Amino acid sequence: MFLRPGHLFGFGHEPIFIPWCEFYQARRKKFLLSNLVSVNIGSPKVAEITLAAQVFEQSEGAKVLN
């Protein structure tokens, strides 16, 4: 997966590549009206990211969901 920093922090930065094999322990969450997925990166864990569930489910990330 390629991740690009948001507009505020993204100026002059290239996208970050994280291989799908580094995604562990995906969890579904709800925040207000949004369906989200939080996932740990790396083993041992080096980071955690949260993405829209629809994006995660339509990608290779669907294999990581419990």
PDB file of N, CA and C in Angstrom:
ATOM      1  N   MET A   1       0.845  -1.154   0.000  1.00  0.00           N
ATOM      2  CA  MET A   1       0.000   0.000   0.000  1.00  0.00           C
ATOM      3  C   MET A   1       0.902   1.232   0.000  1.00  0.00           C
ATOM      4  N   PHE A   2       0.572   2.199  -0.812  1.00  0.00           N
ATOM      5  CA  PHE A   2       1.265   3.482  -0.801  1.00  0.00           C
ATOM      6  C   PHE A   2       0.424   4.486  -0.022  1.00  0.00           C
ATOM      7  N   LEU A   3       1.021   5.149   0.946  1.00  0.00           N
ATOM      8  CA  LEU A   3       0.342   6.179   1.730  1.00  0.00           C
ATOM      9  C   LEU A   3       1.026   7.510   1.491  1.00  0.00           C
ATOM     10  N   ARG A   4       0.230   8.527   1.285  1.00  0.00           N
ATOM     11  CA  ARG A   4       0.750   9.869   1.070  1.00  0.00           C
ATOM     12  C   ARG A   4       0.353  10.725   2.277  1.00  0.00           C
ATOM     13  N   PRO A   5       1.307  11.464   2.867  1.00  0.00           N
ATOM     14  CA  PRO A   5       0.958  12.344   3.985  1.00  0.00           C
ATOM     15  C   PRO A   5      -0.091  13.371   3.564  1.00  0.00           C
ATOM     16  N   GLY A   6      -0.897  13.838   4.526  1.00  0.00           N
ATOM     17  CA  GLY A   6      -1.931  14.831   4.252  1.00  0.00           C
ATOM     18  C   GLY A   6      -1.344  16.123   3.714  1.00  0.00           C
ATOM     19  N   HIS A   7      -2.201  17.013   3.251  1.00  0.00           N
ATOM     20  CA  HIS A   7      -1.772  18.258   2.620  1.00  0.00           C
ATOM     21  C   HIS A   7      -0.886  19.097   3.531  1.00  0.00           C
ATOM     22  N   LEU A   8      -1.213  19.155   4.803  1.00  0.00           N
ATOM     23  CA  LEU A   8      -0.447  19.967   5.731  1.00  0.00           C
ATOM     24  C   LEU A   8       0.996  19.489   5.859  1.00  0.00           C
ATOM     25  N   PHE A   9       1.204  18.157   5.890  1.00  0.00           N
ATOM     26  CA  PHE A   9       2.543  17.597   6.083  1.00  0.00           C
ATOM     27  C   PHE A   9       3.135  17.002   4.810  1.00  0.00           C
ATOM     28  N   GLY A  10       2.353  16.931   3.745  1.00  0.00           N
ATOM     29  CA  GLY A  10       2.768  16.209   2.562  1.00  0.00           C
ATOM     30  C   GLY A  10       3.642  16.957   1.577  1.00  0.00           C
ATOM     31  N   PHE A  11       3.760  18.258   1.704  1.00  0.00           N
ATOM     32  CA  PHE A  11       4.519  19.031   0.724  1.00  0.00           C
ATOM     33  C   PHE A  11       5.971  18.562   0.681  1.00  0.00           C
ATOM     34  N   GLY A  12       6.407  18.118  -0.479  1.00  0.00           N
ATOM     35  CA  GLY A  12       7.790  17.701  -0.668  1.00  0.00           C
ATOM     36  C   GLY A  12       8.093  16.286  -0.214  1.00  0.00           C
ATOM     37  N   HIS A  13       7.094  15.530   0.213  1.00  0.00           N
ATOM     38  CA  HIS A  13       7.311  14.160   0.664  1.00  0.00           C
ATOM     39  C   HIS A  13       6.743  13.173  -0.340  1.00  0.00           C
ATOM     40  N   GLU A  14       7.491  12.118  -0.579  1.00  0.00           N
ATOM     41  CA  GLU A  14       7.052  11.049  -1.468  1.00  0.00           C
ATOM     42  C   GLU A  14       6.102  10.113  -0.716  1.00  0.00           C
ATOM     43  N   PRO A  15       5.254   9.368  -1.433  1.00  0.00           N
ATOM     44  CA  PRO A  15       4.402   8.377  -0.770  1.00  0.00           C
ATOM     45  C   PRO A  15       5.250   7.317  -0.065  1.00  0.00           C
ATOM     46  N   ILE A  16       4.714   6.758   1.000  1.00  0.00           N
ATOM     47  CA  ILE A  16       5.386   5.705   1.772  1.00  0.00           C
ATOM     48  C   ILE A  16       4.813   4.371   1.330  1.00  0.00           C
ATOM     49  N   PHE A  17       5.692   3.404   1.045  1.00  0.00           N
ATOM     50  CA  PHE A  17       5.239   2.069   0.659  1.00  0.00           C
ATOM     51  C   PHE A  17       5.284   1.155   1.877  1.00  0.00           C
ATOM     52  N   ILE A  18       4.148   0.502   2.188  1.00  0.00           N
ATOM     53  CA  ILE A  18       4.079  -0.485   3.261  1.00  0.00           C
ATOM     54  C   ILE A  18       3.551  -1.772   2.639  1.00  0.00           C
ATOM     55  N   PRO A  19       4.355  -2.842   2.631  1.00  0.00           N
ATOM     56  CA  PRO A  19       3.886  -4.102   2.045  1.00  0.00           C
ATOM     57  C   PRO A  19       2.711  -4.676   2.841  1.00  0.00           C
ATOM     58  N   TRP A  20       1.774  -5.322   2.152  1.00  0.00           N
ATOM     59  CA  TRP A  20       0.610  -5.895   2.824  1.00  0.00           C
ATOM     60  C   TRP A  20       1.004  -6.935   3.852  1.00  0.00           C
ATOM     61  N   CYS A  21       2.115  -7.603   3.664  1.00  0.00           N
ATOM     62  CA  CYS A  21       2.538  -8.632   4.629  1.00  0.00           C
ATOM     63  C   CYS A  21       2.923  -8.033   5.977  1.00  0.00           C
ATOM     64  N   GLU A  22       3.039  -6.714   6.087  1.00  0.00           N
ATOM     65  CA  GLU A  22       3.363  -6.040   7.346  1.00  0.00           C
ATOM     66  C   GLU A  22       2.127  -5.563   8.102  1.00  0.00           C
ATOM     67  N   PHE A  23       0.932  -5.842   7.588  1.00  0.00           N
ATOM     68  CA  PHE A  23      -0.319  -5.443   8.237  1.00  0.00           C
ATOM     69  C   PHE A  23      -0.790  -6.581   9.136  1.00  0.00           C
ATOM     70  N   TYR A  24      -1.060  -6.278  10.415  1.00  0.00           N
ATOM     71  CA  TYR A  24      -1.485  -7.280  11.394  1.00  0.00           C
ATOM     72  C   TYR A  24      -2.637  -6.745  12.236  1.00  0.00           C
ATOM     73  N   GLN A  25      -3.447  -7.637  12.742  1.00  0.00           N
ATOM     74  CA  GLN A  25      -4.486  -7.353  13.728  1.00  0.00           C
ATOM     75  C   GLN A  25      -5.413  -6.200  13.325  1.00  0.00           C
ATOM     76  N   ALA A  26      -6.052  -6.352  12.203  1.00  0.00           N
ATOM     77  CA  ALA A  26      -7.026  -5.346  11.754  1.00  0.00           C
ATOM     78  C   ALA A  26      -8.278  -5.421  12.616  1.00  0.00           C
ATOM     79  N   ARG A  27      -8.808  -4.273  12.979  1.00  0.00           N
ATOM     80  CA  ARG A  27     -10.005  -4.183  13.814  1.00  0.00           C
ATOM     81  C   ARG A  27     -10.974  -3.186  13.220  1.00  0.00           C
ATOM     82  N   ARG A  28     -12.237  -3.554  13.197  1.00  0.00           N
ATOM     83  CA  ARG A  28     -13.278  -2.636  12.727  1.00  0.00           C
ATOM     84  C   ARG A  28     -13.634  -1.685  13.858  1.00  0.00           C
ATOM     85  N   LYS A  29     -13.905  -0.417  13.493  1.00  0.00           N
ATOM     86  CA  LYS A  29     -14.295   0.604  14.458  1.00  0.00           C
ATOM     87  C   LYS A  29     -15.396   1.463  13.859  1.00  0.00           C
ATOM     88  N   LYS A  30     -16.125   2.127  14.716  1.00  0.00           N
ATOM     89  CA  LYS A  30     -17.097   3.129  14.270  1.00  0.00           C
ATOM     90  C   LYS A  30     -16.735   4.439  14.953  1.00  0.00           C
ATOM     91  N   PHE A  31     -16.782   5.521  14.204  1.00  0.00           N
ATOM     92  CA  PHE A  31     -16.569   6.856  14.746  1.00  0.00           C
ATOM     93  C   PHE A  31     -17.637   7.752  14.131  1.00  0.00           C
ATOM     94  N   LEU A  32     -18.545   8.209  14.972  1.00  0.00           N
ATOM     95  CA  LEU A  32     -19.707   8.958  14.512  1.00  0.00           C
ATOM     96  C   LEU A  32     -20.447   8.107  13.485  1.00  0.00           C
ATOM     97  N   LEU A  33     -20.516   8.540  12.251  1.00  0.00           N
ATOM     98  CA  LEU A  33     -21.213   7.762  11.215  1.00  0.00           C
ATOM     99  C   LEU A  33     -20.254   7.021  10.285  1.00  0.00           C
ATOM    100  N   SER A  34     -18.964   7.035  10.617  1.00  0.00           N
ATOM    101  CA  SER A  34     -17.955   6.436   9.749  1.00  0.00           C
ATOM    102  C   SER A  34     -17.607   5.021  10.183  1.00  0.00           C
ATOM    103  N   ASN A  35     -17.458   4.133   9.221  1.00  0.00           N
ATOM    104  CA  ASN A  35     -16.937   2.783   9.456  1.00  0.00           C
ATOM    105  C   ASN A  35     -15.454   2.804   9.129  1.00  0.00           C
ATOM    106  N   LEU A  36     -14.631   2.397  10.085  1.00  0.00           N
ATOM    107  CA  LEU A  36     -13.188   2.472   9.945  1.00  0.00           C
ATOM    108  C   LEU A  36     -12.550   1.125  10.224  1.00  0.00           C
ATOM    109  N   VAL A  37     -11.290   0.989   9.811  1.00  0.00           N
ATOM    110  CA  VAL A  37     -10.475  -0.172  10.154  1.00  0.00           C
ATOM    111  C   VAL A  37      -9.147   0.350  10.679  1.00  0.00           C
ATOM    112  N   SER A  38      -8.772  -0.103  11.880  1.00  0.00           N
ATOM    113  CA  SER A  38      -7.452   0.211  12.436  1.00  0.00           C
ATOM    114  C   SER A  38      -6.591  -1.029  12.304  1.00  0.00           C
ATOM    115  N   VAL A  39      -5.345  -0.853  11.945  1.00  0.00           N
ATOM    116  CA  VAL A  39      -4.465  -1.997  11.718  1.00  0.00           C
ATOM    117  C   VAL A  39      -3.068  -1.662  12.233  1.00  0.00           C
ATOM    118  N   ASN A  40      -2.412  -2.678  12.827  1.00  0.00           N
ATOM    119  CA  ASN A  40      -1.035  -2.531  13.282  1.00  0.00           C
ATOM    120  C   ASN A  40      -0.096  -2.750  12.110  1.00  0.00           C
ATOM    121  N   ILE A  41       0.993  -2.013  12.097  1.00  0.00           N
ATOM    122  CA  ILE A  41       2.015  -2.151  11.060  1.00  0.00           C
ATOM    123  C   ILE A  41       3.272  -2.713  11.718  1.00  0.00           C
ATOM    124  N   GLY A  42       3.765  -3.822  11.161  1.00  0.00           N
ATOM    125  CA  GLY A  42       4.992  -4.430  11.646  1.00  0.00           C
ATOM    126  C   GLY A  42       4.770  -5.392  12.796  1.00  0.00           C
ATOM    127  N   SER A  43       5.757  -6.283  12.974  1.00  0.00           N
ATOM    128  CA  SER A  43       5.756  -7.223  14.089  1.00  0.00           C
ATOM    129  C   SER A  43       7.191  -7.348  14.580  1.00  0.00           C
ATOM    130  N   PRO A  44       7.524  -6.718  15.682  1.00  0.00           N
ATOM    131  CA  PRO A  44       6.659  -6.041  16.636  1.00  0.00           C
ATOM    132  C   PRO A  44       6.078  -4.747  16.043  1.00  0.00           C
ATOM    133  N   LYS A  45       4.990  -4.308  16.648  1.00  0.00           N
ATOM    134  CA  LYS A  45       4.253  -3.129  16.170  1.00  0.00           C
ATOM    135  C   LYS A  45       5.151  -1.891  16.161  1.00  0.00           C
ATOM    136  N   VAL A  46       5.186  -1.215  14.996  1.00  0.00           N
ATOM    137  CA  VAL A  46       5.931   0.042  14.885  1.00  0.00           C
ATOM    138  C   VAL A  46       5.005   1.221  14.644  1.00  0.00           C
ATOM    139  N   ALA A  47       3.767   0.925  14.223  1.00  0.00           N
ATOM    140  CA  ALA A  47       2.803   2.004  13.965  1.00  0.00           C
ATOM    141  C   ALA A  47       1.404   1.404  13.904  1.00  0.00           C
ATOM    142  N   GLU A  48       0.414   2.276  13.960  1.00  0.00           N
ATOM    143  CA  GLU A  48      -0.981   1.899  13.773  1.00  0.00           C
ATOM    144  C   GLU A  48      -1.611   2.940  12.874  1.00  0.00           C
ATOM    145  N   ILE A  49      -2.370   2.482  11.875  1.00  0.00           N
ATOM    146  CA  ILE A  49      -3.067   3.419  10.999  1.00  0.00           C
ATOM    147  C   ILE A  49      -4.547   3.085  10.995  1.00  0.00           C
ATOM    148  N   THR A  50      -5.362   4.078  10.692  1.00  0.00           N
ATOM    149  CA  THR A  50      -6.800   3.908  10.591  1.00  0.00           C
ATOM    150  C   THR A  50      -7.236   4.406   9.221  1.00  0.00           C
ATOM    151  N   LEU A  51      -7.984   3.560   8.518  1.00  0.00           N
ATOM    152  CA  LEU A  51      -8.454   3.867   7.169  1.00  0.00           C
ATOM    153  C   LEU A  51      -9.962   3.680   7.101  1.00  0.00           C
ATOM    154  N   ALA A  52     -10.579   4.281   6.115  1.00  0.00           N
ATOM    155  CA  ALA A  52     -11.995   4.037   5.859  1.00  0.00           C
ATOM    156  C   ALA A  52     -12.177   2.551   5.557  1.00  0.00           C
ATOM    157  N   ALA A  53     -13.183   1.932   6.165  1.00  0.00           N
ATOM    158  CA  ALA A  53     -13.409   0.499   5.986  1.00  0.00           C
ATOM    159  C   ALA A  53     -13.608   0.134   4.521  1.00  0.00           C
ATOM    160  N   GLN A  54     -14.297   0.963   3.774  1.00  0.00           N
ATOM    161  CA  GLN A  54     -14.558   0.680   2.360  1.00  0.00           C
ATOM    162  C   GLN A  54     -13.252   0.577   1.575  1.00  0.00           C
ATOM    163  N   VAL A  55     -12.314   1.447   1.840  1.00  0.00           N
ATOM    164  CA  VAL A  55     -11.015   1.408   1.154  1.00  0.00           C
ATOM    165  C   VAL A  55     -10.282   0.127   1.508  1.00  0.00           C
ATOM    166  N   PHE A  56     -10.259  -0.210   2.784  1.00  0.00           N
ATOM    167  CA  PHE A  56      -9.532  -1.387   3.256  1.00  0.00           C
ATOM    168  C   PHE A  56     -10.157  -2.676   2.702  1.00  0.00           C
ATOM    169  N   GLU A  57     -11.481  -2.762   2.718  1.00  0.00           N
ATOM    170  CA  GLU A  57     -12.176  -3.969   2.267  1.00  0.00           C
ATOM    171  C   GLU A  57     -12.033  -4.218   0.773  1.00  0.00           C
ATOM    172  N   GLN A  58     -11.818  -3.188  -0.017  1.00  0.00           N
ATOM    173  CA  GLN A  58     -11.703  -3.336  -1.463  1.00  0.00           C
ATOM    174  C   GLN A  58     -10.255  -3.500  -1.915  1.00  0.00           C
ATOM    175  N   SER A  59      -9.360  -3.704  -0.972  1.00  0.00           N
ATOM    176  CA  SER A  59      -7.940  -3.853  -1.288  1.00  0.00           C
ATOM    177  C   SER A  59      -7.448  -5.204  -0.775  1.00  0.00           C
ATOM    178  N   GLU A  60      -6.155  -5.416  -0.865  1.00  0.00           N
ATOM    179  CA  GLU A  60      -5.541  -6.623  -0.321  1.00  0.00           C
ATOM    180  C   GLU A  60      -5.705  -6.695   1.190  1.00  0.00           C
ATOM    181  N   GLY A  61      -6.025  -5.586   1.819  1.00  0.00           N
ATOM    182  CA  GLY A  61      -6.211  -5.538   3.262  1.00  0.00           C
ATOM    183  C   GLY A  61      -7.346  -6.411   3.743  1.00  0.00           C
ATOM    184  N   ALA A  62      -8.276  -6.734   2.867  1.00  0.00           N
ATOM    185  CA  ALA A  62      -9.412  -7.584   3.250  1.00  0.00           C
ATOM    186  C   ALA A  62      -8.935  -8.936   3.784  1.00  0.00           C
ATOM    187  N   LYS A  63      -7.757  -9.385   3.366  1.00  0.00           N
ATOM    188  CA  LYS A  63      -7.214 -10.673   3.825  1.00  0.00           C
ATOM    189  C   LYS A  63      -6.794 -10.610   5.292  1.00  0.00           C
ATOM    190  N   VAL A  64      -6.566  -9.406   5.821  1.00  0.00           N
ATOM    191  CA  VAL A  64      -6.069  -9.231   7.186  1.00  0.00           C
ATOM    192  C   VAL A  64      -7.224  -9.084   8.181  1.00  0.00           C
ATOM    193  N   LEU A  65      -8.401  -8.703   7.699  1.00  0.00           N
ATOM    194  CA  LEU A  65      -9.538  -8.489   8.601  1.00  0.00           C
ATOM    195  C   LEU A  65      -9.928  -9.761   9.323  1.00  0.00           C
ATOM    196  N   ASN A  66     -10.262  -9.631  10.590  1.00  0.00           N
ATOM    197  CA  ASN A  66     -10.690 -10.784  11.402  1.00  0.00           C
ATOM    198  C   ASN A  66     -12.128 -11.126  11.120  1.00  0.00           C
TER     199      ASN A  66
END
